Amino acid sequence: MSDNKCGCPCSCFAPMTWIAVALGALFVLFMFFEAVTIRWWIMLPIAAVSLYLFGVQRGQTSGREKCVCSWGFWLVIAALVLRDMCLSGQLVAAYCRMIAAGLPLHG
């Protein structure tokens, strides 16, 4: 922190924290686009890397940065659970529509 020459608040966090925040925000942002539900294979690695970086930084920092990492970690986990619940709900709705259409899905 002693080499902070510009005094801007953006330089008080480690670069890994900023990357984790950006990836976590990207994951949460992708949750609101319906076209991305198909692209779950992209979203899951983004969330995993964000969780990993938040977890690593949470153990190595203190103060405000540790608080940001803790909140970010739990926010990404909550978003993962919420996203899984939404996808499960969409699968159940699709199954119910197929049953209502008369498709024999049971053997």
N, C-alpha and C. Protein backbone atom coordinates (compact mmCIF):
# COMPACT_ATOMS: atom_id res chain seq x y z
N MET A 1 0.82 -1.19 0.00
CA MET A 1 0.00 0.00 0.00
C MET A 1 0.87 1.25 0.00
N SER A 2 2.14 1.11 0.36
CA SER A 2 3.01 2.27 0.39
C SER A 2 3.37 2.75 -1.00
N ASP A 3 3.24 1.92 -2.03
CA ASP A 3 3.57 2.33 -3.38
C ASP A 3 2.36 2.91 -4.11
N ASN A 4 1.31 3.24 -3.41
CA ASN A 4 0.11 3.84 -3.98
C ASN A 4 0.37 5.32 -4.25
N LYS A 5 0.86 5.63 -5.43
CA LYS A 5 1.26 6.99 -5.76
C LYS A 5 0.08 7.86 -6.19
N CYS A 6 -0.89 7.28 -6.87
CA CYS A 6 -1.98 8.10 -7.38
C CYS A 6 -3.06 8.36 -6.33
N GLY A 7 -3.17 7.50 -5.32
CA GLY A 7 -4.15 7.71 -4.27
C GLY A 7 -5.57 7.34 -4.67
N CYS A 8 -5.73 6.73 -5.84
CA CYS A 8 -7.08 6.37 -6.26
C CYS A 8 -7.54 5.11 -5.52
N PRO A 9 -8.83 4.99 -5.27
CA PRO A 9 -9.31 3.84 -4.51
C PRO A 9 -9.21 2.52 -5.27
N CYS A 10 -9.06 2.57 -6.59
CA CYS A 10 -9.02 1.34 -7.36
C CYS A 10 -7.72 0.57 -7.14
N SER A 11 -6.68 1.23 -6.66
CA SER A 11 -5.39 0.56 -6.49
C SER A 11 -5.24 -0.08 -5.10
N CYS A 12 -6.29 -0.01 -4.27
CA CYS A 12 -6.17 -0.58 -2.93
C CYS A 12 -6.46 -2.08 -2.91
N PHE A 13 -7.04 -2.63 -3.98
CA PHE A 13 -7.32 -4.06 -4.05
C PHE A 13 -6.31 -4.74 -4.96
N ALA A 14 -6.08 -6.01 -4.68
CA ALA A 14 -5.17 -6.80 -5.50
C ALA A 14 -5.81 -7.10 -6.85
N PRO A 15 -4.98 -7.31 -7.88
CA PRO A 15 -5.54 -7.61 -9.20
C PRO A 15 -6.41 -8.88 -9.21
N MET A 16 -6.06 -9.87 -8.41
CA MET A 16 -6.88 -11.09 -8.35
C MET A 16 -8.28 -10.78 -7.84
N THR A 17 -8.39 -9.85 -6.93
CA THR A 17 -9.71 -9.46 -6.42
C THR A 17 -10.52 -8.80 -7.51
N TRP A 18 -9.88 -7.93 -8.28
CA TRP A 18 -10.59 -7.26 -9.37
C TRP A 18 -11.04 -8.26 -10.43
N ILE A 19 -10.21 -9.25 -10.73
CA ILE A 19 -10.58 -10.28 -11.70
C ILE A 19 -11.76 -11.08 -11.18
N ALA A 20 -11.72 -11.45 -9.89
CA ALA A 20 -12.81 -12.21 -9.29
C ALA A 20 -14.11 -11.40 -9.31
N VAL A 21 -14.02 -10.11 -9.01
CA VAL A 21 -15.21 -9.25 -9.02
C VAL A 21 -15.76 -9.15 -10.45
N ALA A 22 -14.89 -8.99 -11.42
CA ALA A 22 -15.34 -8.87 -12.81
C ALA A 22 -16.00 -10.17 -13.29
N LEU A 23 -15.40 -11.31 -12.97
CA LEU A 23 -15.98 -12.59 -13.39
C LEU A 23 -17.31 -12.86 -12.67
N GLY A 24 -17.36 -12.53 -11.38
CA GLY A 24 -18.61 -12.70 -10.64
C GLY A 24 -19.71 -11.81 -11.19
N ALA A 25 -19.37 -10.56 -11.51
CA ALA A 25 -20.36 -9.65 -12.09
C ALA A 25 -20.80 -10.12 -13.47
N LEU A 26 -19.87 -10.66 -14.25
CA LEU A 26 -20.21 -11.20 -15.56
C LEU A 26 -21.17 -12.38 -15.44
N PHE A 27 -20.93 -13.25 -14.47
CA PHE A 27 -21.83 -14.38 -14.25
C PHE A 27 -23.22 -13.91 -13.86
N VAL A 28 -23.29 -12.97 -12.94
CA VAL A 28 -24.60 -12.45 -12.50
C VAL A 28 -25.29 -11.73 -13.66
N LEU A 29 -24.54 -11.00 -14.46
CA LEU A 29 -25.12 -10.32 -15.61
C LEU A 29 -25.66 -11.31 -16.63
N PHE A 30 -24.92 -12.38 -16.89
CA PHE A 30 -25.37 -13.40 -17.83
C PHE A 30 -26.65 -14.09 -17.38
N MET A 31 -26.92 -14.09 -16.09
CA MET A 31 -28.13 -14.74 -15.59
C MET A 31 -29.40 -14.08 -16.10
N PHE A 32 -29.32 -12.82 -16.46
CA PHE A 32 -30.52 -12.08 -16.85
C PHE A 32 -30.81 -12.14 -18.34
N PHE A 33 -29.98 -12.82 -19.11
CA PHE A 33 -30.21 -12.96 -20.54
C PHE A 33 -30.70 -14.37 -20.84
N GLU A 34 -31.86 -14.47 -21.41
CA GLU A 34 -32.46 -15.78 -21.70
C GLU A 34 -31.64 -16.57 -22.72
N ALA A 35 -30.98 -15.90 -23.65
CA ALA A 35 -30.21 -16.60 -24.68
C ALA A 35 -29.00 -17.33 -24.09
N VAL A 36 -28.62 -16.96 -22.88
CA VAL A 36 -27.43 -17.56 -22.27
C VAL A 36 -27.77 -18.86 -21.55
N THR A 37 -29.05 -19.19 -21.39
CA THR A 37 -29.38 -20.44 -20.72
C THR A 37 -28.81 -21.63 -21.48
N ILE A 38 -28.67 -21.50 -22.77
CA ILE A 38 -28.07 -22.55 -23.58
C ILE A 38 -26.57 -22.63 -23.30
N ARG A 39 -25.99 -21.54 -22.95
CA ARG A 39 -24.56 -21.45 -22.79
C ARG A 39 -24.12 -21.69 -21.34
N TRP A 40 -24.74 -22.62 -20.66
CA TRP A 40 -24.39 -22.94 -19.28
C TRP A 40 -22.95 -23.40 -19.18
N TRP A 41 -22.43 -24.04 -20.22
CA TRP A 41 -21.05 -24.53 -20.22
C TRP A 41 -20.06 -23.38 -20.22
N ILE A 42 -20.48 -22.18 -20.56
CA ILE A 42 -19.62 -21.00 -20.45
C ILE A 42 -19.75 -20.39 -19.07
N MET A 43 -20.98 -20.36 -18.55
CA MET A 43 -21.22 -19.70 -17.28
C MET A 43 -20.63 -20.46 -16.09
N LEU A 44 -20.66 -21.78 -16.13
CA LEU A 44 -20.16 -22.56 -15.01
C LEU A 44 -18.66 -22.36 -14.78
N PRO A 45 -17.82 -22.38 -15.81
CA PRO A 45 -16.39 -22.09 -15.57
C PRO A 45 -16.14 -20.67 -15.07
N ILE A 46 -16.92 -19.71 -15.56
CA ILE A 46 -16.77 -18.33 -15.08
C ILE A 46 -17.05 -18.28 -13.58
N ALA A 47 -18.12 -18.92 -13.15
CA ALA A 47 -18.46 -18.94 -11.73
C ALA A 47 -17.41 -19.69 -10.92
N ALA A 48 -16.90 -20.80 -11.46
CA ALA A 48 -15.90 -21.59 -10.73
C ALA A 48 -14.60 -20.80 -10.54
N VAL A 49 -14.16 -20.13 -11.56
CA VAL A 49 -12.92 -19.34 -11.44
C VAL A 49 -13.14 -18.18 -10.48
N SER A 50 -14.29 -17.54 -10.57
CA SER A 50 -14.59 -16.44 -9.65
C SER A 50 -14.61 -16.92 -8.20
N LEU A 51 -15.27 -18.06 -7.96
CA LEU A 51 -15.30 -18.61 -6.60
C LEU A 51 -13.90 -18.95 -6.10
N TYR A 52 -13.09 -19.55 -6.97
CA TYR A 52 -11.73 -19.90 -6.58
C TYR A 52 -10.92 -18.65 -6.21
N LEU A 53 -10.99 -17.63 -7.07
CA LEU A 53 -10.23 -16.41 -6.80
C LEU A 53 -10.73 -15.70 -5.54
N PHE A 54 -12.05 -15.64 -5.35
CA PHE A 54 -12.59 -15.05 -4.12
C PHE A 54 -12.11 -15.83 -2.90
N GLY A 55 -12.13 -17.16 -2.98
CA GLY A 55 -11.69 -17.98 -1.85
C GLY A 55 -10.23 -17.78 -1.52
N VAL A 56 -9.39 -17.73 -2.55
CA VAL A 56 -7.95 -17.53 -2.33
C VAL A 56 -7.70 -16.15 -1.73
N GLN A 57 -8.31 -15.14 -2.31
CA GLN A 57 -8.09 -13.78 -1.82
C GLN A 57 -8.67 -13.56 -0.44
N ARG A 58 -9.76 -14.24 -0.14
CA ARG A 58 -10.38 -14.08 1.18
C ARG A 58 -9.43 -14.56 2.27
N GLY A 59 -8.64 -15.58 1.97
CA GLY A 59 -7.69 -16.08 2.95
C GLY A 59 -6.39 -15.29 3.04
N GLN A 60 -6.11 -14.46 2.05
CA GLN A 60 -4.84 -13.75 2.00
C GLN A 60 -4.94 -12.27 2.33
N THR A 61 -6.13 -11.74 2.43
CA THR A 61 -6.28 -10.29 2.62
C THR A 61 -6.93 -9.99 3.97
N SER A 62 -7.07 -8.72 4.22
CA SER A 62 -7.74 -8.29 5.45
C SER A 62 -8.48 -6.99 5.16
N GLY A 63 -9.30 -6.60 6.09
CA GLY A 63 -10.00 -5.33 5.99
C GLY A 63 -11.11 -5.33 4.95
N ARG A 64 -11.19 -4.23 4.24
CA ARG A 64 -12.27 -4.03 3.27
C ARG A 64 -12.19 -5.03 2.11
N GLU A 65 -10.98 -5.36 1.69
CA GLU A 65 -10.83 -6.32 0.59
C GLU A 65 -11.34 -7.71 1.00
N LYS A 66 -11.08 -8.10 2.23
CA LYS A 66 -11.57 -9.39 2.72
C LYS A 66 -13.09 -9.40 2.76
N CYS A 67 -13.69 -8.29 3.15
CA CYS A 67 -15.14 -8.17 3.19
C CYS A 67 -15.72 -8.28 1.77
N VAL A 68 -15.09 -7.60 0.81
CA VAL A 68 -15.54 -7.67 -0.58
C VAL A 68 -15.43 -9.10 -1.10
N CYS A 69 -14.34 -9.78 -0.78
CA CYS A 69 -14.15 -11.16 -1.23
C CYS A 69 -15.17 -12.10 -0.59
N SER A 70 -15.47 -11.89 0.68
CA SER A 70 -16.47 -12.74 1.35
C SER A 70 -17.86 -12.53 0.74
N TRP A 71 -18.24 -11.28 0.57
CA TRP A 71 -19.54 -10.99 -0.03
C TRP A 71 -19.61 -11.49 -1.46
N GLY A 72 -18.55 -11.33 -2.22
CA GLY A 72 -18.52 -11.81 -3.60
C GLY A 72 -18.64 -13.32 -3.67
N PHE A 73 -17.93 -14.02 -2.77
CA PHE A 73 -17.97 -15.47 -2.73
C PHE A 73 -19.39 -15.96 -2.50
N TRP A 74 -20.06 -15.39 -1.51
CA TRP A 74 -21.41 -15.84 -1.19
C TRP A 74 -22.42 -15.39 -2.23
N LEU A 75 -22.18 -14.26 -2.87
CA LEU A 75 -23.08 -13.80 -3.93
C LEU A 75 -23.03 -14.74 -5.13
N VAL A 76 -21.84 -15.19 -5.50
CA VAL A 76 -21.72 -16.11 -6.64
C VAL A 76 -22.35 -17.46 -6.29
N ILE A 77 -22.18 -17.93 -5.06
CA ILE A 77 -22.82 -19.19 -4.66
C ILE A 77 -24.35 -19.05 -4.71
N ALA A 78 -24.87 -17.94 -4.20
CA ALA A 78 -26.32 -17.72 -4.24
C ALA A 78 -26.82 -17.64 -5.69
N ALA A 79 -26.05 -16.99 -6.56
CA ALA A 79 -26.43 -16.90 -7.97
C ALA A 79 -26.41 -18.28 -8.63
N LEU A 80 -25.44 -19.12 -8.27
CA LEU A 80 -25.39 -20.48 -8.81
C LEU A 80 -26.62 -21.28 -8.39
N VAL A 81 -26.98 -21.18 -7.13
CA VAL A 81 -28.16 -21.91 -6.64
C VAL A 81 -29.42 -21.39 -7.31
N LEU A 82 -29.54 -20.08 -7.41
CA LEU A 82 -30.71 -19.48 -8.05
C LEU A 82 -30.79 -19.89 -9.51
N ARG A 83 -29.67 -19.88 -10.20
CA ARG A 83 -29.64 -20.26 -11.61
C ARG A 83 -30.03 -21.73 -11.78
N ASP A 84 -29.55 -22.58 -10.89
CA ASP A 84 -29.90 -23.99 -10.95
C ASP A 84 -31.39 -24.19 -10.72
N MET A 85 -31.96 -23.45 -9.79
CA MET A 85 -33.40 -23.56 -9.53
C MET A 85 -34.20 -23.10 -10.75
N CYS A 86 -33.76 -22.03 -11.40
CA CYS A 86 -34.47 -21.53 -12.58
C CYS A 86 -34.39 -22.53 -13.72
N LEU A 87 -33.21 -23.10 -13.95
CA LEU A 87 -33.07 -24.09 -15.02
C LEU A 87 -33.89 -25.34 -14.71
N SER A 88 -33.93 -25.75 -13.45
CA SER A 88 -34.74 -26.91 -13.08
C SER A 88 -36.21 -26.63 -13.32
N GLY A 89 -36.64 -25.42 -13.00
CA GLY A 89 -38.02 -25.03 -13.25
C GLY A 89 -38.36 -25.03 -14.73
N GLN A 90 -37.42 -24.61 -15.56
CA GLN A 90 -37.65 -24.61 -17.00
C GLN A 90 -37.73 -26.04 -17.54
N LEU A 91 -36.91 -26.94 -16.99
CA LEU A 91 -36.97 -28.34 -17.41
C LEU A 91 -38.30 -28.98 -17.03
N VAL A 92 -38.78 -28.69 -15.83
CA VAL A 92 -40.07 -29.22 -15.39
C VAL A 92 -41.19 -28.67 -16.26
N ALA A 93 -41.13 -27.40 -16.59
CA ALA A 93 -42.16 -26.80 -17.44
C ALA A 93 -42.14 -27.43 -18.83
N ALA A 94 -40.95 -27.68 -19.37
CA ALA A 94 -40.86 -28.32 -20.69
C ALA A 94 -41.42 -29.74 -20.63
N TYR A 95 -41.11 -30.46 -19.57
CA TYR A 95 -41.63 -31.83 -19.39
C TYR A 95 -43.16 -31.81 -19.32
N CYS A 96 -43.71 -30.88 -18.57
CA CYS A 96 -45.17 -30.77 -18.44
C CYS A 96 -45.81 -30.42 -19.78
N ARG A 97 -45.16 -29.57 -20.58
CA ARG A 97 -45.71 -29.24 -21.89
C ARG A 97 -45.71 -30.47 -22.82
N MET A 98 -44.65 -31.28 -22.73
CA MET A 98 -44.59 -32.48 -23.56
C MET A 98 -45.66 -33.49 -23.15
N ILE A 99 -45.86 -33.64 -21.86
CA ILE A 99 -46.90 -34.54 -21.36
C ILE A 99 -48.27 -34.04 -21.80
N ALA A 100 -48.51 -32.73 -21.72
CA ALA A 100 -49.79 -32.15 -22.11
C ALA A 100 -50.02 -32.30 -23.61
N ALA A 101 -48.95 -32.33 -24.38
CA ALA A 101 -49.09 -32.49 -25.84
C ALA A 101 -49.36 -33.94 -26.22
N GLY A 102 -49.27 -34.85 -25.26
CA GLY A 102 -49.58 -36.24 -25.53
C GLY A 102 -48.39 -37.08 -25.96
N LEU A 103 -47.19 -36.60 -25.75
CA LEU A 103 -46.01 -37.39 -26.10
C LEU A 103 -45.79 -38.48 -25.05
N PRO A 104 -45.63 -39.71 -25.47
CA PRO A 104 -45.40 -40.78 -24.50
C PRO A 104 -43.96 -40.80 -24.02
N LEU A 105 -43.70 -40.20 -22.88
CA LEU A 105 -42.34 -40.11 -22.36
C LEU A 105 -42.01 -41.24 -21.39
N HIS A 106 -43.03 -41.96 -20.94
CA HIS A 106 -42.80 -43.06 -20.00
C HIS A 106 -42.82 -44.37 -20.75
N GLY A 107 -41.93 -45.29 -20.35
CA GLY A 107 -41.80 -46.57 -21.03
C GLY A 107 -42.82 -47.55 -20.76
